[in-house]
Protein backbone atom coordinates (compact mmCIF):
# COMPACT_ATOMS: atom_id res chain seq x y z
CA UNK A 1 -53.50 -26.15 8.56
CA UNK A 2 -50.35 -25.35 10.44
CA UNK A 3 -50.64 -24.63 14.30
CA UNK A 4 -49.61 -20.97 14.82
CA UNK A 5 -48.38 -21.95 18.34
CA UNK A 6 -45.92 -24.54 17.02
CA UNK A 7 -42.63 -23.92 18.71
CA UNK A 8 -40.73 -24.47 15.29
CA UNK A 9 -42.80 -21.96 13.65
CA UNK A 10 -42.21 -19.37 16.51
CA UNK A 11 -38.47 -20.05 16.37
CA UNK A 12 -38.58 -19.17 12.66
CA UNK A 13 -40.49 -15.99 13.40
CA UNK A 14 -38.13 -15.01 16.07
CA UNK A 15 -35.14 -15.43 13.84
CA UNK A 16 -36.64 -13.14 11.18
CA UNK A 17 -37.27 -10.72 13.80
CA UNK A 18 -33.43 -10.97 15.20
CA UNK A 19 -32.31 -10.26 11.73
CA UNK A 20 -34.34 -7.28 10.87
CA UNK A 21 -31.84 -4.56 12.33
CA UNK A 22 -29.20 -6.08 10.05
CA UNK A 23 -31.55 -6.15 7.08
CA UNK A 24 -32.52 -2.41 7.45
CA UNK A 25 -28.83 -1.40 8.10
CA UNK A 26 -27.44 -3.11 5.02
CA UNK A 27 -30.02 -2.91 2.37
CA UNK A 28 -28.21 -1.58 -0.82
CA UNK A 29 -24.71 -2.37 0.52
CA UNK A 30 -22.10 -4.91 -0.85
CA UNK A 31 -20.76 -7.89 0.71
CA UNK A 32 -17.73 -9.33 -0.81
CA UNK A 33 -17.25 -13.03 -0.18
CA UNK A 34 -14.17 -15.14 -0.66
CA UNK A 35 -15.28 -18.72 -1.47
CA UNK A 36 -12.70 -21.58 -1.19
CA UNK A 37 -11.09 -24.46 0.65
CA UNK A 38 -13.02 -27.54 1.75
CA UNK A 39 -16.51 -26.12 0.89
CA UNK A 40 -15.49 -25.97 -2.75
CA UNK A 41 -15.23 -29.79 -2.99
CA UNK A 42 -18.51 -30.63 -0.93
CA UNK A 43 -21.75 -30.54 -3.08
CA UNK A 44 -23.99 -29.96 -0.31
CA UNK A 45 -21.99 -27.12 1.38
CA UNK A 46 -21.73 -25.52 -2.24
CA UNK A 47 -25.55 -25.65 -2.40
CA UNK A 48 -25.69 -24.01 1.10
CA UNK A 49 -23.26 -21.44 -0.14
CA UNK A 50 -25.27 -20.56 -3.32
CA UNK A 51 -28.54 -20.38 -1.35
CA UNK A 52 -27.07 -17.85 1.20
CA UNK A 53 -25.72 -15.73 -1.76
CA UNK A 54 -29.08 -15.69 -3.51
CA UNK A 55 -30.91 -14.97 -0.32
CA UNK A 56 -28.65 -11.94 0.36
CA UNK A 57 -29.42 -10.64 -3.12
CA UNK A 58 -33.17 -11.18 -2.64
CA UNK A 59 -33.21 -9.11 0.52
CA UNK A 60 -31.50 -6.17 -1.13
CA UNK A 61 -27.92 -6.90 -0.41
CA UNK A 62 -25.40 -7.02 -3.15
CA UNK A 63 -23.15 -10.23 -2.90
CA UNK A 64 -19.86 -10.15 -4.87
CA UNK A 65 -18.06 -13.64 -4.88
CA UNK A 66 -14.33 -14.29 -5.19
CA UNK A 67 -13.36 -17.76 -5.50
CA UNK A 68 -10.02 -19.61 -5.25
CA UNK A 69 -8.79 -23.00 -6.46
CA UNK A 70 -5.40 -24.00 -5.37
CA UNK A 71 -6.06 -27.64 -5.02
CA UNK A 72 -8.05 -27.97 -8.30
CA UNK A 73 -4.97 -26.18 -10.19
CA UNK A 74 -2.54 -28.62 -8.41
CA UNK A 75 -4.80 -31.58 -9.53
CA UNK A 76 -5.05 -30.40 -13.07
CA UNK A 77 -1.15 -29.72 -13.33
CA UNK A 78 -0.46 -33.28 -12.14
CA UNK A 79 -2.86 -34.45 -14.65
CA UNK A 80 -1.20 -32.55 -17.45
CA UNK A 81 2.21 -33.72 -16.41
CA UNK A 82 3.23 -30.07 -15.43
CA UNK A 83 5.61 -30.23 -12.39
CA UNK A 84 5.31 -27.48 -9.75
CA UNK A 85 8.04 -25.90 -7.75
CA UNK A 86 7.59 -24.30 -4.51
CA UNK A 87 9.64 -21.75 -2.70
CA UNK A 88 8.60 -21.22 1.12
CA UNK A 89 5.35 -22.77 0.47
CA UNK A 90 4.45 -20.50 -2.46
CA UNK A 91 3.91 -22.14 -6.09
CA UNK A 92 6.34 -20.76 -8.65
CA UNK A 93 4.03 -19.99 -11.46
CA UNK A 94 5.70 -20.35 -14.80
CA UNK A 95 4.03 -19.55 -18.27
CA UNK A 96 2.70 -23.20 -18.43
CA UNK A 97 1.30 -23.19 -14.95
CA UNK A 98 -0.11 -19.74 -15.40
CA UNK A 99 -2.12 -20.91 -18.32
CA UNK A 100 -3.45 -23.96 -16.38
CA UNK A 101 -4.41 -21.50 -13.69
CA UNK A 102 -6.29 -19.33 -15.92
CA UNK A 103 -7.97 -22.56 -17.68
CA UNK A 104 -8.98 -23.86 -14.24
CA UNK A 105 -10.04 -20.78 -12.40
CA UNK A 106 -11.62 -18.68 -15.07
CA UNK A 107 -13.13 -21.87 -16.91
CA UNK A 108 -14.17 -24.99 -14.69
CA UNK A 109 -14.47 -23.64 -11.24
CA UNK A 110 -15.83 -20.07 -12.17
CA UNK A 111 -18.72 -21.83 -14.25
CA UNK A 112 -19.41 -24.55 -11.71
CA UNK A 113 -20.02 -21.90 -9.13
CA UNK A 114 -22.16 -19.70 -11.55
CA UNK A 115 -24.24 -23.01 -12.18
CA UNK A 116 -24.60 -23.51 -8.36
CA UNK A 117 -26.06 -19.92 -7.86
CA UNK A 118 -28.26 -20.47 -10.85
CA UNK A 119 -29.53 -23.60 -9.59
CA UNK A 120 -30.54 -21.68 -6.29
CA UNK A 121 -32.62 -19.20 -8.24
CA UNK A 122 -30.04 -16.51 -8.68
CA UNK A 123 -28.72 -14.73 -11.76
CA UNK A 124 -24.68 -15.03 -11.51
CA UNK A 125 -22.11 -13.78 -14.19
CA UNK A 126 -18.72 -15.46 -14.21
CA UNK A 127 -15.84 -13.05 -14.76
CA UNK A 128 -12.27 -12.66 -14.00
CA UNK A 129 -10.17 -9.61 -13.26
CA UNK A 130 -9.25 -9.18 -17.05
CA UNK A 131 -12.98 -8.36 -17.91
CA UNK A 132 -13.50 -4.69 -18.53
CA UNK A 133 -9.88 -4.29 -17.27
CA UNK A 134 -11.56 -4.76 -13.76
CA UNK A 135 -8.29 -5.35 -12.03
CA UNK A 136 -4.66 -4.47 -13.11
CA UNK A 137 -2.06 -6.61 -11.58
CA UNK A 138 1.56 -6.19 -10.70
CA UNK A 139 4.09 -8.83 -10.32
CA UNK A 140 4.62 -10.17 -6.93
CA UNK A 141 8.24 -10.37 -5.53
CA UNK A 142 9.32 -11.99 -2.15
CA UNK A 143 12.67 -12.25 -0.42
CA UNK A 144 14.32 -14.70 1.74
CA UNK A 145 17.56 -14.72 3.63
CA UNK A 146 20.52 -16.89 2.40
CA UNK A 147 21.08 -19.20 5.35
CA UNK A 148 24.96 -18.85 4.92
CA UNK A 149 25.36 -15.03 4.05
CA UNK A 150 22.22 -13.98 6.02
CA UNK A 151 21.66 -11.68 2.76
CA UNK A 152 18.22 -10.95 1.65
CA UNK A 153 17.80 -12.28 -1.89
CA UNK A 154 14.90 -11.57 -4.32
CA UNK A 155 12.68 -14.70 -5.19
CA UNK A 156 11.13 -14.79 -8.57
CA UNK A 157 7.74 -16.47 -8.36
CA UNK A 158 6.97 -16.01 -12.03
CA UNK A 159 3.47 -15.00 -12.99
CA UNK A 160 2.03 -14.30 -9.58
CA UNK A 161 0.56 -11.01 -9.20
CA UNK A 162 -1.35 -8.68 -6.90
CA UNK A 163 -4.00 -6.12 -7.61
CA UNK A 164 -2.56 -2.75 -8.23
CA UNK A 165 -5.70 -0.98 -9.42
CA UNK A 166 -9.46 -1.95 -9.04
CA UNK A 167 -12.07 -0.36 -11.44
CA UNK A 168 -15.38 -1.12 -9.62
CA UNK A 169 -17.78 -0.03 -12.48
CA UNK A 170 -18.07 -3.51 -13.93
CA UNK A 171 -18.95 -4.99 -10.59
CA UNK A 172 -21.49 -1.99 -9.79
CA UNK A 173 -23.02 -2.26 -13.34
CA UNK A 174 -23.60 -6.14 -12.81
CA UNK A 175 -24.99 -5.74 -9.36
CA UNK A 176 -27.29 -2.74 -10.34
CA UNK A 177 -28.84 -5.07 -13.10
CA UNK A 178 -29.59 -7.79 -10.73
CA UNK A 179 -26.71 -9.93 -11.35
CA UNK A 180 -24.10 -11.61 -8.80
CA UNK A 181 -20.63 -11.13 -9.91
CA UNK A 182 -18.37 -14.30 -9.59
CA UNK A 183 -14.79 -13.33 -10.08
CA UNK A 184 -11.80 -15.61 -10.80
CA UNK A 185 -8.68 -14.17 -9.34
CA UNK A 186 -6.88 -13.75 -12.74
CA UNK A 187 -5.65 -10.35 -14.05
CA UNK A 188 -3.39 -8.90 -16.63
CA UNK A 189 -0.46 -6.61 -15.87
CA UNK A 190 0.52 -3.51 -17.48
CA UNK A 191 3.16 -5.63 -19.32
CA UNK A 192 0.40 -7.60 -20.94
CA UNK A 193 1.13 -10.71 -19.00
CA UNK A 194 -1.45 -12.78 -17.33
CA UNK A 195 -1.10 -13.14 -13.56
CA UNK A 196 -2.54 -15.52 -10.95
CA UNK A 197 -3.61 -13.68 -7.71
CA UNK A 198 -4.39 -15.04 -4.26
CA UNK A 199 -8.00 -15.16 -3.78
CA UNK A 200 -7.98 -13.64 -0.37
CA UNK A 201 -5.83 -10.90 -1.74
CA UNK A 202 -8.09 -10.14 -4.70
CA UNK A 203 -11.21 -10.29 -2.27
CA UNK A 204 -9.65 -7.78 0.00
CA UNK A 205 -8.38 -5.34 -2.88
CA UNK A 206 -12.27 -5.55 -4.27
CA UNK A 207 -13.82 -4.97 -0.92
CA UNK A 208 -11.53 -2.14 -0.08
CA UNK A 209 -12.15 -0.39 -3.59
CA UNK A 210 -15.86 -1.09 -3.51
CA UNK A 211 -16.19 0.21 0.18
CA UNK A 212 -18.00 -3.03 1.04
CA UNK A 213 -20.06 -3.42 4.30
CA UNK A 214 -18.43 -6.74 4.86
CA UNK A 215 -15.63 -8.88 3.49
CA UNK A 216 -16.26 -12.62 4.46
CA UNK A 217 -13.06 -14.95 4.11
CA UNK A 218 -14.45 -18.51 4.21
CA UNK A 219 -11.78 -20.68 5.59
CA UNK A 220 -11.16 -24.33 6.85
CA UNK A 221 -10.99 -22.98 10.59
CA UNK A 222 -13.43 -21.82 13.04
CA UNK A 223 -11.90 -18.30 12.96
CA UNK A 224 -8.97 -16.79 15.10
CA UNK A 225 -8.25 -18.59 18.20
CA UNK A 226 -6.65 -17.84 21.39
CA UNK A 227 -3.86 -19.98 23.03
CA UNK A 228 -6.57 -22.08 24.80
CA UNK A 229 -8.39 -22.71 21.50
CA UNK A 230 -11.21 -20.30 22.22
CA UNK A 231 -12.74 -18.23 19.43
CA UNK A 232 -11.90 -14.70 19.32
CA UNK A 233 -14.87 -13.01 18.16
CA UNK A 234 -13.72 -9.38 17.49
CA UNK A 235 -10.32 -8.01 16.76
CA UNK A 236 -8.66 -4.59 15.81
CA UNK A 237 -5.36 -4.26 13.66
CA UNK A 238 -3.69 -3.45 17.08
CA UNK A 239 -5.06 -6.84 18.65
CA UNK A 240 -3.77 -8.61 15.47
CA UNK A 241 -0.24 -7.05 15.79
CA UNK A 242 -0.09 -8.25 19.55
CA UNK A 243 -1.28 -11.62 18.89
CA UNK A 244 0.96 -12.06 16.08
CA UNK A 245 4.05 -10.84 18.15
CA UNK A 246 3.19 -13.16 20.96
CA UNK A 247 2.71 -16.35 18.51
CA UNK A 248 -0.98 -16.83 18.99
CA UNK A 249 -1.67 -15.94 15.32
CA UNK A 250 0.69 -18.21 13.18
CA UNK A 251 1.03 -19.99 9.85
CA UNK A 252 -1.64 -19.44 7.12
CA UNK A 253 -3.96 -17.19 9.38
CA UNK A 254 -1.26 -14.35 9.29
CA UNK A 255 -1.70 -13.49 5.61
CA UNK A 256 -5.41 -13.80 5.74
CA UNK A 257 -5.62 -11.32 8.63
CA UNK A 258 -3.08 -9.09 6.86
CA UNK A 259 -5.80 -9.06 4.02
CA UNK A 260 -8.48 -8.13 6.47
CA UNK A 261 -6.58 -5.45 8.03
CA UNK A 262 -5.73 -3.95 4.79
CA UNK A 263 -9.29 -3.96 3.59
CA UNK A 264 -10.79 -2.35 6.80
CA UNK A 265 -8.02 0.32 6.70
CA UNK A 266 -8.68 1.10 2.95
CA UNK A 267 -12.52 1.54 3.00
CA UNK A 268 -14.37 -1.88 4.05
CA UNK A 269 -16.42 -1.54 7.09
CA UNK A 270 -15.41 -4.80 8.69
CA UNK A 271 -13.99 -8.27 7.71
CA UNK A 272 -14.79 -11.83 9.00
CA UNK A 273 -13.02 -14.84 9.01
CA UNK A 274 -15.37 -17.80 9.54
CA UNK A 275 -15.47 -21.60 8.91
CA UNK A 276 -16.90 -22.31 5.43
CA UNK A 277 -17.57 -25.93 6.42
CA UNK A 278 -20.32 -24.89 8.70
CA UNK A 279 -23.82 -24.88 6.88
CA UNK A 280 -25.04 -21.22 6.37
CA UNK A 281 -21.87 -19.91 8.33
CA UNK A 282 -22.22 -16.52 6.68
CA UNK A 283 -25.92 -16.04 7.59
CA UNK A 284 -25.14 -17.20 11.10
CA UNK A 285 -22.34 -14.79 11.27
CA UNK A 286 -24.25 -11.86 9.95
CA UNK A 287 -27.98 -12.15 10.98
CA UNK A 288 -27.51 -13.33 14.59
CA UNK A 289 -26.38 -11.65 17.73
CA UNK A 290 -24.19 -14.67 18.41
CA UNK A 291 -22.10 -14.46 15.36
CA UNK A 292 -19.95 -17.59 13.99
CA UNK A 293 -16.44 -16.28 13.26
CA UNK A 294 -14.03 -13.66 14.07
CA UNK A 295 -14.67 -9.86 13.14
CA UNK A 296 -11.99 -7.43 12.34
CA UNK A 297 -12.82 -3.74 12.55
CA UNK A 298 -10.51 -0.73 12.31
CA UNK A 299 -11.06 0.31 15.75
C-alpha cells in the first residue's frame, strides 16, 4: 500500500489543490493553442503536448489547436525540387508552393497531430479553414522602400493570406460533441483561391472570434525578455509599444506580440507566449501561481 505521508504523494495533492481555482474559473471556456516550432519535431514533446491537450478536455476546458509547419513545407519543397523565393524573410507562395503547403499542413502534419492526441486518449478532428467555410482569407500585401528612391513599393507574396472572417460554428459544434479541433492554417479566399496563413495569425483570429479565455503561442524561446535577459511575466499593449520602441522587443517576437495584442483587444481574455520546448509548459503556465511564460492582457 502507498504511504499517505509520502512527500511525493503530498506534493501531487498540493499541486491539485493549487490548480483548483483555475479549474473552477475556466470550466467550459475555450483555450486556443498554436503548436509549432521545435516541439513539432520532437516525439517526446509532441507526446507531452498531446497529453496536456487531452487533460484540458478531460477537466472541462475546450482546447482548440492551430498548428504551423514552415520547416516541413520547406523540406517538402526541396524534396520536390520547387525553389522558394524570399522577400524580407517572407516566403513568396506561388501556385506550386501553395499546393505543397496545403498538402503538408492539411495532410501530413494535421493528421500526425490528430494521431498523437488520439494516442493520448483524446478524440481529435483534423480540419483546415476551408472546412465548413470556417475561415475566409484575404490576400496579404506588404510594402518595402526602394533603397534608391525611398518610395514605398507593393510586394506581391503570392498566395499568402490572412483571416478576414471566422465562423466559429464548426469549432463550437466539434467542441460540444467532445472533440478537439486541430486546425491547419489554410483557407479559401472570396476569389476562390487557396491561401496559406501564418499559424500565429490564424490562432489569434480564432481566439478573438471565439472569445477564448486564453491564446497560447508555443515558441522556441522562454517568452519576452528584458534587456538583461530576464523573463517579463506580464505585459499590456502599452508595455509592448514601449519595449518595441526602445529595442527591447525585436525580430520575430514583434509579429507574435502583435498577434497577441490584436487577440486580446478583439475579445480574447489573455494571451501567453511561452516555450514549447519545456515539457508541459502550458500546464505550468496556467495551473500554477508561478507561471512559465509572458502573459499579455488588455490592461
